[in-house]
Structure formats: structure tokens, C-alpha cells
Amino acid sequence: MSVQLNTKERITRFTPQEKLDILREWERTANGMELAERYRVHPQTLYRWRRAMEQGAQTFLSGRKPRVDPRIRELERENQNLKDALVLQAQELMLLKKRMNLV
């Protein structure tokens, strides 16, 4: 049985509470295909909602992604720059070794 979704229809946005209600109904009925057809969502969407809820119910219910601290982003950029510099140095060292016939 496959689910046929009409792509010309308006995409429905569900509130976090509606998503939770749909997931609870899925637990009670254990029929994800029927729910997907009734609410006109792809069955994979139900699994994605469930996984998101399991990873963090509070984040899931808020309807937004967790905010990433700008300091962490800056540290991640700095870390990547340091990794790139290390690769460059390793390449230069290998080139010097080859020129001196040490490798």
C-alpha cells in the first residue's frame, strides 16, 4: 500500500501540540499509514516527529531548533582553521622531506 500525496494541495503546518496529539494517536492505533493518509503527511514525517520527540521533548514542543551559542560557532570555526593549518604544515613537511631524500 503506497501513500499518494497531492503536491498541488496546500502544505499543512501542524502546531507542536497537534504533532504530539497525532503521535499519541499513532501509539494508540499503531497504524501509521492510515494516520498519514488522514492527516495528509508522508509516513516518514511521523517517524521524524517521533525521533525529534525522543531526542528532546522540550525542543520538539517548542517548534524550533535549539539555539547555538555564538561562542561555540566561533570556536568551531577556529578549530577548523587550526586543522587546516595543521594539514598544510604536514604537506609542507612531507614536501621538504622528499626534496632532501629523507622519504
PDB file of N, CA and C in Angstrom:
ATOM      1  N   MET A   1       0.843  -1.172   0.000  1.00  0.00           N
ATOM      2  CA  MET A   1       0.000   0.000   0.000  1.00  0.00           C
ATOM      3  C   MET A   1       0.885   1.231   0.000  1.00  0.00           C
ATOM      4  N   SER A   2       0.691   2.107  -0.954  1.00  0.00           N
ATOM      5  CA  SER A   2       1.502   3.312  -1.011  1.00  0.00           C
ATOM      6  C   SER A   2       0.628   4.527  -0.771  1.00  0.00           C
ATOM      7  N   VAL A   3       1.259   5.560  -0.268  1.00  0.00           N
ATOM      8  CA  VAL A   3       0.551   6.794   0.020  1.00  0.00           C
ATOM      9  C   VAL A   3       0.751   7.744  -1.142  1.00  0.00           C
ATOM     10  N   GLN A   4      -0.322   8.221  -1.707  1.00  0.00           N
ATOM     11  CA  GLN A   4      -0.265   9.177  -2.803  1.00  0.00           C
ATOM     12  C   GLN A   4      -0.569  10.557  -2.238  1.00  0.00           C
ATOM     13  N   LEU A   5       0.394  11.435  -2.298  1.00  0.00           N
ATOM     14  CA  LEU A   5       0.198  12.793  -1.812  1.00  0.00           C
ATOM     15  C   LEU A   5       0.027  13.726  -2.992  1.00  0.00           C
ATOM     16  N   ASN A   6      -0.973  14.564  -2.930  1.00  0.00           N
ATOM     17  CA  ASN A   6      -1.204  15.538  -3.984  1.00  0.00           C
ATOM     18  C   ASN A   6      -0.318  16.743  -3.702  1.00  0.00           C
ATOM     19  N   THR A   7       0.673  16.963  -4.568  1.00  0.00           N
ATOM     20  CA  THR A   7       1.637  18.034  -4.322  1.00  0.00           C
ATOM     21  C   THR A   7       1.062  19.405  -4.612  1.00  0.00           C
ATOM     22  N   LYS A   8      -0.084  19.478  -5.282  1.00  0.00           N
ATOM     23  CA  LYS A   8      -0.686  20.770  -5.591  1.00  0.00           C
ATOM     24  C   LYS A   8      -1.488  21.315  -4.421  1.00  0.00           C
ATOM     25  N   GLU A   9      -1.818  20.463  -3.453  1.00  0.00           N
ATOM     26  CA  GLU A   9      -2.561  20.924  -2.288  1.00  0.00           C
ATOM     27  C   GLU A   9      -1.642  21.754  -1.389  1.00  0.00           C
ATOM     28  N   ARG A  10      -2.266  22.611  -0.616  1.00  0.00           N
ATOM     29  CA  ARG A  10      -1.516  23.443   0.315  1.00  0.00           C
ATOM     30  C   ARG A  10      -0.882  22.559   1.387  1.00  0.00           C
ATOM     31  N   ILE A  11       0.365  22.819   1.689  1.00  0.00           N
ATOM     32  CA  ILE A  11       1.059  22.066   2.722  1.00  0.00           C
ATOM     33  C   ILE A  11       0.569  22.547   4.085  1.00  0.00           C
ATOM     34  N   THR A  12       0.120  21.612   4.907  1.00  0.00           N
ATOM     35  CA  THR A  12      -0.410  21.948   6.221  1.00  0.00           C
ATOM     36  C   THR A  12       0.718  21.991   7.227  1.00  0.00           C
ATOM     37  N   ARG A  13       0.763  23.043   7.992  1.00  0.00           N
ATOM     38  CA  ARG A  13       1.717  23.141   9.092  1.00  0.00           C
ATOM     39  C   ARG A  13       0.989  22.773  10.371  1.00  0.00           C
ATOM     40  N   PHE A  14       1.586  21.883  11.123  1.00  0.00           N
ATOM     41  CA  PHE A  14       0.995  21.451  12.373  1.00  0.00           C
ATOM     42  C   PHE A  14       1.683  22.155  13.525  1.00  0.00           C
ATOM     43  N   THR A  15       0.903  22.524  14.523  1.00  0.00           N
ATOM     44  CA  THR A  15       1.490  23.102  15.723  1.00  0.00           C
ATOM     45  C   THR A  15       2.160  21.976  16.498  1.00  0.00           C
ATOM     46  N   PRO A  16       3.072  22.320  17.390  1.00  0.00           N
ATOM     47  CA  PRO A  16       3.703  21.264  18.191  1.00  0.00           C
ATOM     48  C   PRO A  16       2.684  20.414  18.953  1.00  0.00           C
ATOM     49  N   GLN A  17       1.621  21.036  19.445  1.00  0.00           N
ATOM     50  CA  GLN A  17       0.607  20.270  20.183  1.00  0.00           C
ATOM     51  C   GLN A  17      -0.128  19.312  19.250  1.00  0.00           C
ATOM     52  N   GLU A  18      -0.408  19.746  18.033  1.00  0.00           N
ATOM     53  CA  GLU A  18      -1.062  18.861  17.060  1.00  0.00           C
ATOM     54  C   GLU A  18      -0.164  17.682  16.718  1.00  0.00           C
ATOM     55  N   LYS A  19       1.123  17.938  16.573  1.00  0.00           N
ATOM     56  CA  LYS A  19       2.070  16.851  16.292  1.00  0.00           C
ATOM     57  C   LYS A  19       2.050  15.835  17.430  1.00  0.00           C
ATOM     58  N   LEU A  20       2.046  16.338  18.662  1.00  0.00           N
ATOM     59  CA  LEU A  20       2.031  15.447  19.818  1.00  0.00           C
ATOM     60  C   LEU A  20       0.745  14.627  19.846  1.00  0.00           C
ATOM     61  N   ASP A  21      -0.376  15.257  19.548  1.00  0.00           N
ATOM     62  CA  ASP A  21      -1.651  14.536  19.519  1.00  0.00           C
ATOM     63  C   ASP A  21      -1.644  13.450  18.445  1.00  0.00           C
ATOM     64  N   ILE A  22      -1.098  13.755  17.282  1.00  0.00           N
ATOM     65  CA  ILE A  22      -1.026  12.768  16.201  1.00  0.00           C
ATOM     66  C   ILE A  22      -0.136  11.598  16.621  1.00  0.00           C
ATOM     67  N   LEU A  23       0.995  11.897  17.266  1.00  0.00           N
ATOM     68  CA  LEU A  23       1.890  10.824  17.720  1.00  0.00           C
ATOM     69  C   LEU A  23       1.221   9.959  18.781  1.00  0.00           C
ATOM     70  N   ARG A  24       0.456  10.575  19.674  1.00  0.00           N
ATOM     71  CA  ARG A  24      -0.267   9.794  20.692  1.00  0.00           C
ATOM     72  C   ARG A  24      -1.302   8.892  20.031  1.00  0.00           C
ATOM     73  N   GLU A  25      -1.985   9.434  19.039  1.00  0.00           N
ATOM     74  CA  GLU A  25      -2.976   8.626  18.312  1.00  0.00           C
ATOM     75  C   GLU A  25      -2.282   7.469  17.601  1.00  0.00           C
ATOM     76  N   TRP A  26      -1.097   7.713  17.074  1.00  0.00           N
ATOM     77  CA  TRP A  26      -0.328   6.663  16.408  1.00  0.00           C
ATOM     78  C   TRP A  26       0.020   5.555  17.399  1.00  0.00           C
ATOM     79  N   GLU A  27       0.395   5.938  18.629  1.00  0.00           N
ATOM     80  CA  GLU A  27       0.695   4.938  19.657  1.00  0.00           C
ATOM     81  C   GLU A  27      -0.536   4.097  19.967  1.00  0.00           C
ATOM     82  N   ARG A  28      -1.706   4.747  20.046  1.00  0.00           N
ATOM     83  CA  ARG A  28      -2.932   4.009  20.385  1.00  0.00           C
ATOM     84  C   ARG A  28      -3.361   3.078  19.257  1.00  0.00           C
ATOM     85  N   THR A  29      -3.331   3.566  18.020  1.00  0.00           N
ATOM     86  CA  THR A  29      -3.858   2.778  16.907  1.00  0.00           C
ATOM     87  C   THR A  29      -2.816   1.883  16.259  1.00  0.00           C
ATOM     88  N   ALA A  30      -1.548   2.259  16.350  1.00  0.00           N
ATOM     89  CA  ALA A  30      -0.441   1.507  15.746  1.00  0.00           C
ATOM     90  C   ALA A  30      -0.600   1.380  14.235  1.00  0.00           C
ATOM     91  N   ASN A  31      -1.280   2.330  13.609  1.00  0.00           N
ATOM     92  CA  ASN A  31      -1.460   2.296  12.159  1.00  0.00           C
ATOM     93  C   ASN A  31      -0.987   3.623  11.572  1.00  0.00           C
ATOM     94  N   GLY A  32       0.296   3.699  11.297  1.00  0.00           N
ATOM     95  CA  GLY A  32       0.891   4.928  10.798  1.00  0.00           C
ATOM     96  C   GLY A  32       0.451   5.281   9.394  1.00  0.00           C
ATOM     97  N   MET A  33       0.234   4.279   8.540  1.00  0.00           N
ATOM     98  CA  MET A  33      -0.182   4.549   7.168  1.00  0.00           C
ATOM     99  C   MET A  33      -1.547   5.223   7.127  1.00  0.00           C
ATOM    100  N   GLU A  34      -2.463   4.732   7.936  1.00  0.00           N
ATOM    101  CA  GLU A  34      -3.808   5.315   7.974  1.00  0.00           C
ATOM    102  C   GLU A  34      -3.759   6.754   8.485  1.00  0.00           C
ATOM    103  N   LEU A  35      -2.958   6.981   9.521  1.00  0.00           N
ATOM    104  CA  LEU A  35      -2.819   8.343  10.055  1.00  0.00           C
ATOM    105  C   LEU A  35      -2.184   9.270   9.034  1.00  0.00           C
ATOM    106  N   ALA A  36      -1.187   8.776   8.342  1.00  0.00           N
ATOM    107  CA  ALA A  36      -0.516   9.592   7.337  1.00  0.00           C
ATOM    108  C   ALA A  36      -1.501  10.011   6.251  1.00  0.00           C
ATOM    109  N   GLU A  37      -2.347   9.089   5.836  1.00  0.00           N
ATOM    110  CA  GLU A  37      -3.342   9.428   4.822  1.00  0.00           C
ATOM    111  C   GLU A  37      -4.374  10.410   5.367  1.00  0.00           C
ATOM    112  N   ARG A  38      -4.822  10.188   6.595  1.00  0.00           N
ATOM    113  CA  ARG A  38      -5.852  11.046   7.166  1.00  0.00           C
ATOM    114  C   ARG A  38      -5.360  12.487   7.339  1.00  0.00           C
ATOM    115  N   TYR A  39      -4.126  12.644   7.808  1.00  0.00           N
ATOM    116  CA  TYR A  39      -3.597  13.988   8.049  1.00  0.00           C
ATOM    117  C   TYR A  39      -2.817  14.529   6.847  1.00  0.00           C
ATOM    118  N   ARG A  40      -2.764  13.738   5.776  1.00  0.00           N
ATOM    119  CA  ARG A  40      -2.078  14.126   4.541  1.00  0.00           C
ATOM    120  C   ARG A  40      -0.624  14.517   4.773  1.00  0.00           C
ATOM    121  N   VAL A  41       0.087  13.631   5.444  1.00  0.00           N
ATOM    122  CA  VAL A  41       1.533  13.788   5.633  1.00  0.00           C
ATOM    123  C   VAL A  41       2.199  12.515   5.145  1.00  0.00           C
ATOM    124  N   HIS A  42       3.466  12.608   4.846  1.00  0.00           N
ATOM    125  CA  HIS A  42       4.220  11.427   4.431  1.00  0.00           C
ATOM    126  C   HIS A  42       4.474  10.565   5.665  1.00  0.00           C
ATOM    127  N   PRO A  43       4.393   9.247   5.539  1.00  0.00           N
ATOM    128  CA  PRO A  43       4.636   8.387   6.701  1.00  0.00           C
ATOM    129  C   PRO A  43       5.994   8.643   7.357  1.00  0.00           C
ATOM    130  N   GLN A  44       6.999   8.992   6.554  1.00  0.00           N
ATOM    131  CA  GLN A  44       8.324   9.262   7.119  1.00  0.00           C
ATOM    132  C   GLN A  44       8.279  10.461   8.052  1.00  0.00           C
ATOM    133  N   THR A  45       7.360  11.383   7.805  1.00  0.00           N
ATOM    134  CA  THR A  45       7.221  12.556   8.665  1.00  0.00           C
ATOM    135  C   THR A  45       6.852  12.130  10.081  1.00  0.00           C
ATOM    136  N   LEU A  46       5.985  11.130  10.196  1.00  0.00           N
ATOM    137  CA  LEU A  46       5.624  10.634  11.527  1.00  0.00           C
ATOM    138  C   LEU A  46       6.853  10.106  12.267  1.00  0.00           C
ATOM    139  N   TYR A  47       7.689   9.355  11.554  1.00  0.00           N
ATOM    140  CA  TYR A  47       8.903   8.826  12.178  1.00  0.00           C
ATOM    141  C   TYR A  47       9.849   9.960  12.569  1.00  0.00           C
ATOM    142  N   ARG A  48       9.940  10.984  11.710  1.00  0.00           N
ATOM    143  CA  ARG A  48      10.805  12.128  12.020  1.00  0.00           C
ATOM    144  C   ARG A  48      10.313  12.857  13.257  1.00  0.00           C
ATOM    145  N   TRP A  49       8.992  13.053  13.367  1.00  0.00           N
ATOM    146  CA  TRP A  49       8.428  13.710  14.546  1.00  0.00           C
ATOM    147  C   TRP A  49       8.710  12.883  15.806  1.00  0.00           C
ATOM    148  N   ARG A  50       8.551  11.567  15.692  1.00  0.00           N
ATOM    149  CA  ARG A  50       8.770  10.709  16.862  1.00  0.00           C
ATOM    150  C   ARG A  50      10.236  10.750  17.306  1.00  0.00           C
ATOM    151  N   ARG A  51      11.147  10.706  16.308  1.00  0.00           N
ATOM    152  CA  ARG A  51      12.569  10.764  16.638  1.00  0.00           C
ATOM    153  C   ARG A  51      12.911  12.092  17.301  1.00  0.00           C
ATOM    154  N   ALA A  52      12.361  13.185  16.794  1.00  0.00           N
ATOM    155  CA  ALA A  52      12.611  14.502  17.372  1.00  0.00           C
ATOM    156  C   ALA A  52      12.077  14.562  18.797  1.00  0.00           C
ATOM    157  N   MET A  53      10.916  13.961  19.015  1.00  0.00           N
ATOM    158  CA  MET A  53      10.343  13.982  20.359  1.00  0.00           C
ATOM    159  C   MET A  53      11.200  13.169  21.325  1.00  0.00           C
ATOM    160  N   GLU A  54      11.696  12.046  20.856  1.00  0.00           N
ATOM    161  CA  GLU A  54      12.534  11.221  21.722  1.00  0.00           C
ATOM    162  C   GLU A  54      13.841  11.932  22.064  1.00  0.00           C
ATOM    163  N   GLN A  55      14.388  12.687  21.135  1.00  0.00           N
ATOM    164  CA  GLN A  55      15.659  13.374  21.365  1.00  0.00           C
ATOM    165  C   GLN A  55      15.508  14.546  22.312  1.00  0.00           C
ATOM    166  N   GLY A  56      14.384  15.133  22.338  1.00  0.00           N
ATOM    167  CA  GLY A  56      14.187  16.256  23.243  1.00  0.00           C
ATOM    168  C   GLY A  56      12.765  16.765  23.171  1.00  0.00           C
ATOM    169  N   ALA A  57      11.951  16.320  24.096  1.00  0.00           N
ATOM    170  CA  ALA A  57      10.539  16.693  24.068  1.00  0.00           C
ATOM    171  C   ALA A  57      10.362  18.201  24.154  1.00  0.00           C
ATOM    172  N   GLN A  58      11.156  18.864  24.941  1.00  0.00           N
ATOM    173  CA  GLN A  58      11.003  20.305  25.095  1.00  0.00           C
ATOM    174  C   GLN A  58      11.304  21.028  23.788  1.00  0.00           C
ATOM    175  N   THR A  59      12.367  20.645  23.119  1.00  0.00           N
ATOM    176  CA  THR A  59      12.711  21.244  21.835  1.00  0.00           C
ATOM    177  C   THR A  59      11.616  20.958  20.821  1.00  0.00           C
ATOM    178  N   PHE A  60      11.134  19.724  20.829  1.00  0.00           N
ATOM    179  CA  PHE A  60      10.083  19.321  19.901  1.00  0.00           C
ATOM    180  C   PHE A  60       8.819  20.148  20.114  1.00  0.00           C
ATOM    181  N   LEU A  61       8.422  20.314  21.355  1.00  0.00           N
ATOM    182  CA  LEU A  61       7.189  21.039  21.645  1.00  0.00           C
ATOM    183  C   LEU A  61       7.319  22.532  21.386  1.00  0.00           C
ATOM    184  N   SER A  62       8.520  23.061  21.468  1.00  0.00           N
ATOM    185  CA  SER A  62       8.687  24.488  21.217  1.00  0.00           C
ATOM    186  C   SER A  62       8.543  24.800  19.735  1.00  0.00           C
ATOM    187  N   GLY A  63       8.747  23.810  18.876  1.00  0.00           N
ATOM    188  CA  GLY A  63       8.595  24.007  17.446  1.00  0.00           C
ATOM    189  C   GLY A  63       9.796  24.659  16.794  1.00  0.00           C
ATOM    190  N   ARG A  64      10.891  24.830  17.516  1.00  0.00           N
ATOM    191  CA  ARG A  64      12.095  25.435  16.935  1.00  0.00           C
ATOM    192  C   ARG A  64      13.315  24.582  17.251  1.00  0.00           C
ATOM    193  N   LYS A  65      14.353  24.863  16.502  1.00  0.00           N
ATOM    194  CA  LYS A  65      15.618  24.190  16.747  1.00  0.00           C
ATOM    195  C   LYS A  65      16.315  24.876  17.920  1.00  0.00           C
ATOM    196  N   PRO A  66      17.127  24.125  18.673  1.00  0.00           N
ATOM    197  CA  PRO A  66      17.835  24.764  19.777  1.00  0.00           C
ATOM    198  C   PRO A  66      18.817  25.809  19.266  1.00  0.00           C
ATOM    199  N   ARG A  67      18.937  26.886  19.993  1.00  0.00           N
ATOM    200  CA  ARG A  67      19.829  27.974  19.602  1.00  0.00           C
ATOM    201  C   ARG A  67      21.273  27.581  19.905  1.00  0.00           C
ATOM    202  N   VAL A  68      22.138  27.814  18.938  1.00  0.00           N
ATOM    203  CA  VAL A  68      23.553  27.509  19.116  1.00  0.00           C
ATOM    204  C   VAL A  68      24.249  28.769  19.602  1.00  0.00           C
ATOM    205  N   ASP A  69      25.008  28.623  20.664  1.00  0.00           N
ATOM    206  CA  ASP A  69      25.729  29.756  21.241  1.00  0.00           C
ATOM    207  C   ASP A  69      26.743  30.286  20.229  1.00  0.00           C
ATOM    208  N   PRO A  70      26.772  31.594  19.999  1.00  0.00           N
ATOM    209  CA  PRO A  70      27.726  32.158  19.029  1.00  0.00           C
ATOM    210  C   PRO A  70      29.181  31.854  19.384  1.00  0.00           C
ATOM    211  N   ARG A  71      29.483  31.732  20.676  1.00  0.00           N
ATOM    212  CA  ARG A  71      30.859  31.399  21.076  1.00  0.00           C
ATOM    213  C   ARG A  71      31.240  30.009  20.576  1.00  0.00           C
ATOM    214  N   ILE A  72      30.281  29.093  20.603  1.00  0.00           N
ATOM    215  CA  ILE A  72      30.560  27.737  20.135  1.00  0.00           C
ATOM    216  C   ILE A  72      30.828  27.756  18.632  1.00  0.00           C
ATOM    217  N   ARG A  73      30.034  28.526  17.897  1.00  0.00           N
ATOM    218  CA  ARG A  73      30.276  28.636  16.455  1.00  0.00           C
ATOM    219  C   ARG A  73      31.657  29.200  16.173  1.00  0.00           C
ATOM    220  N   GLU A  74      32.049  30.230  16.929  1.00  0.00           N
ATOM    221  CA  GLU A  74      33.374  30.837  16.737  1.00  0.00           C
ATOM    222  C   GLU A  74      34.478  29.819  17.052  1.00  0.00           C
ATOM    223  N   LEU A  75      34.292  29.054  18.126  1.00  0.00           N
ATOM    224  CA  LEU A  75      35.284  28.031  18.476  1.00  0.00           C
ATOM    225  C   LEU A  75      35.350  26.937  17.411  1.00  0.00           C
ATOM    226  N   GLU A  76      34.206  26.571  16.849  1.00  0.00           N
ATOM    227  CA  GLU A  76      34.207  25.563  15.787  1.00  0.00           C
ATOM    228  C   GLU A  76      34.950  26.080  14.557  1.00  0.00           C
ATOM    229  N   ARG A  77      34.745  27.359  14.204  1.00  0.00           N
ATOM    230  CA  ARG A  77      35.466  27.952  13.067  1.00  0.00           C
ATOM    231  C   ARG A  77      36.966  27.966  13.340  1.00  0.00           C
ATOM    232  N   GLU A  78      37.344  28.385  14.552  1.00  0.00           N
ATOM    233  CA  GLU A  78      38.762  28.427  14.913  1.00  0.00           C
ATOM    234  C   GLU A  78      39.367  27.025  14.871  1.00  0.00           C
ATOM    235  N   ASN A  79      38.630  26.049  15.358  1.00  0.00           N
ATOM    236  CA  ASN A  79      39.098  24.669  15.347  1.00  0.00           C
ATOM    237  C   ASN A  79      39.334  24.197  13.914  1.00  0.00           C
ATOM    238  N   GLN A  80      38.407  24.514  13.001  1.00  0.00           N
ATOM    239  CA  GLN A  80      38.569  24.112  11.611  1.00  0.00           C
ATOM    240  C   GLN A  80      39.776  24.802  10.986  1.00  0.00           C
ATOM    241  N   ASN A  81      39.966  26.089  11.307  1.00  0.00           N
ATOM    242  CA  ASN A  81      41.138  26.811  10.779  1.00  0.00           C
ATOM    243  C   ASN A  81      42.440  26.181  11.260  1.00  0.00           C
ATOM    244  N   LEU A  82      42.481  25.773  12.525  1.00  0.00           N
ATOM    245  CA  LEU A  82      43.675  25.122  13.061  1.00  0.00           C
ATOM    246  C   LEU A  82      43.925  23.774  12.392  1.00  0.00           C
ATOM    247  N   LYS A  83      42.856  23.027  12.145  1.00  0.00           N
ATOM    248  CA  LYS A  83      43.005  21.745  11.445  1.00  0.00           C
ATOM    249  C   LYS A  83      43.557  21.966  10.048  1.00  0.00           C
ATOM    250  N   ASP A  84      43.025  22.984   9.360  1.00  0.00           N
ATOM    251  CA  ASP A  84      43.506  23.281   8.007  1.00  0.00           C
ATOM    252  C   ASP A  84      44.985  23.669   8.021  1.00  0.00           C
ATOM    253  N   ALA A  85      45.384  24.462   9.019  1.00  0.00           N
ATOM    254  CA  ALA A  85      46.781  24.873   9.127  1.00  0.00           C
ATOM    255  C   ALA A  85      47.674  23.663   9.390  1.00  0.00           C
ATOM    256  N   LEU A  86      47.206  22.743  10.218  1.00  0.00           N
ATOM    257  CA  LEU A  86      47.977  21.537  10.521  1.00  0.00           C
ATOM    258  C   LEU A  86      48.168  20.682   9.270  1.00  0.00           C
ATOM    259  N   VAL A  87      47.138  20.542   8.465  1.00  0.00           N
ATOM    260  CA  VAL A  87      47.247  19.779   7.222  1.00  0.00           C
ATOM    261  C   VAL A  87      48.263  20.428   6.296  1.00  0.00           C
ATOM    262  N   LEU A  88      48.199  21.750   6.195  1.00  0.00           N
ATOM    263  CA  LEU A  88      49.137  22.477   5.340  1.00  0.00           C
ATOM    264  C   LEU A  88      50.575  22.269   5.803  1.00  0.00           C
ATOM    265  N   GLN A  89      50.814  22.345   7.105  1.00  0.00           N
ATOM    266  CA  GLN A  89      52.159  22.128   7.636  1.00  0.00           C
ATOM    267  C   GLN A  89      52.637  20.709   7.371  1.00  0.00           C
ATOM    268  N   ALA A  90      51.754  19.739   7.525  1.00  0.00           N
ATOM    269  CA  ALA A  90      52.130  18.346   7.283  1.00  0.00           C
ATOM    270  C   ALA A  90      52.503  18.143   5.813  1.00  0.00           C
ATOM    271  N   GLN A  91      51.758  18.789   4.915  1.00  0.00           N
ATOM    272  CA  GLN A  91      52.073  18.684   3.491  1.00  0.00           C
ATOM    273  C   GLN A  91      53.424  19.331   3.183  1.00  0.00           C
ATOM    274  N   GLU A  92      53.672  20.496   3.768  1.00  0.00           N
ATOM    275  CA  GLU A  92      54.942  21.175   3.552  1.00  0.00           C
ATOM    276  C   GLU A  92      56.104  20.353   4.093  1.00  0.00           C
ATOM    277  N   LEU A  93      55.921  19.753   5.258  1.00  0.00           N
ATOM    278  CA  LEU A  93      56.965  18.924   5.850  1.00  0.00           C
ATOM    279  C   LEU A  93      57.266  17.726   4.961  1.00  0.00           C
ATOM    280  N   MET A  94      56.226  17.105   4.432  1.00  0.00           N
ATOM    281  CA  MET A  94      56.427  15.952   3.555  1.00  0.00           C
ATOM    282  C   MET A  94      57.161  16.363   2.283  1.00  0.00           C
ATOM    283  N   LEU A  95      56.819  17.525   1.738  1.00  0.00           N
ATOM    284  CA  LEU A  95      57.487  18.031   0.542  1.00  0.00           C
ATOM    285  C   LEU A  95      58.972  18.282   0.817  1.00  0.00           C
ATOM    286  N   LEU A  96      59.294  18.883   1.951  1.00  0.00           N
ATOM    287  CA  LEU A  96      60.695  19.138   2.324  1.00  0.00           C
ATOM    288  C   LEU A  96      61.456  17.818   2.500  1.00  0.00           C
ATOM    289  N   LYS A  97      60.834  16.836   3.119  1.00  0.00           N
ATOM    290  CA  LYS A  97      61.480  15.533   3.299  1.00  0.00           C
ATOM    291  C   LYS A  97      61.785  14.874   1.960  1.00  0.00           C
ATOM    292  N   LYS A  98      60.838  15.001   1.025  1.00  0.00           N
ATOM    293  CA  LYS A  98      61.061  14.404  -0.301  1.00  0.00           C
ATOM    294  C   LYS A  98      62.205  15.106  -1.011  1.00  0.00           C
ATOM    295  N   ARG A  99      62.284  16.432  -0.901  1.00  0.00           N
ATOM    296  CA  ARG A  99      63.339  17.179  -1.562  1.00  0.00           C
ATOM    297  C   ARG A  99      64.716  16.850  -0.964  1.00  0.00           C
ATOM    298  N   MET A 100      64.740  16.509   0.327  1.00  0.00           N
ATOM    299  CA  MET A 100      66.007  16.178   0.986  1.00  0.00           C
ATOM    300  C   MET A 100      66.283  14.666   0.917  1.00  0.00           C
ATOM    301  N   ASN A 101      65.441  13.933   0.198  1.00  0.00           N
ATOM    302  CA  ASN A 101      65.572  12.481   0.048  1.00  0.00           C
ATOM    303  C   ASN A 101      65.554  11.759   1.396  1.00  0.00           C
ATOM    304  N   LEU A 102      64.728  12.232   2.292  1.00  0.00           N
ATOM    305  CA  LEU A 102      64.582  11.569   3.594  1.00  0.00           C
ATOM    306  C   LEU A 102      63.419  10.582   3.598  1.00  0.00           C
ATOM    307  N   VAL A 103      62.635  10.609   2.552  1.00  0.00           N
ATOM    308  CA  VAL A 103      61.481   9.708   2.487  1.00  0.00           C
ATOM    309  C   VAL A 103      61.617   8.808   1.292  1.00  0.00           C
TER     310      VAL A 103
END
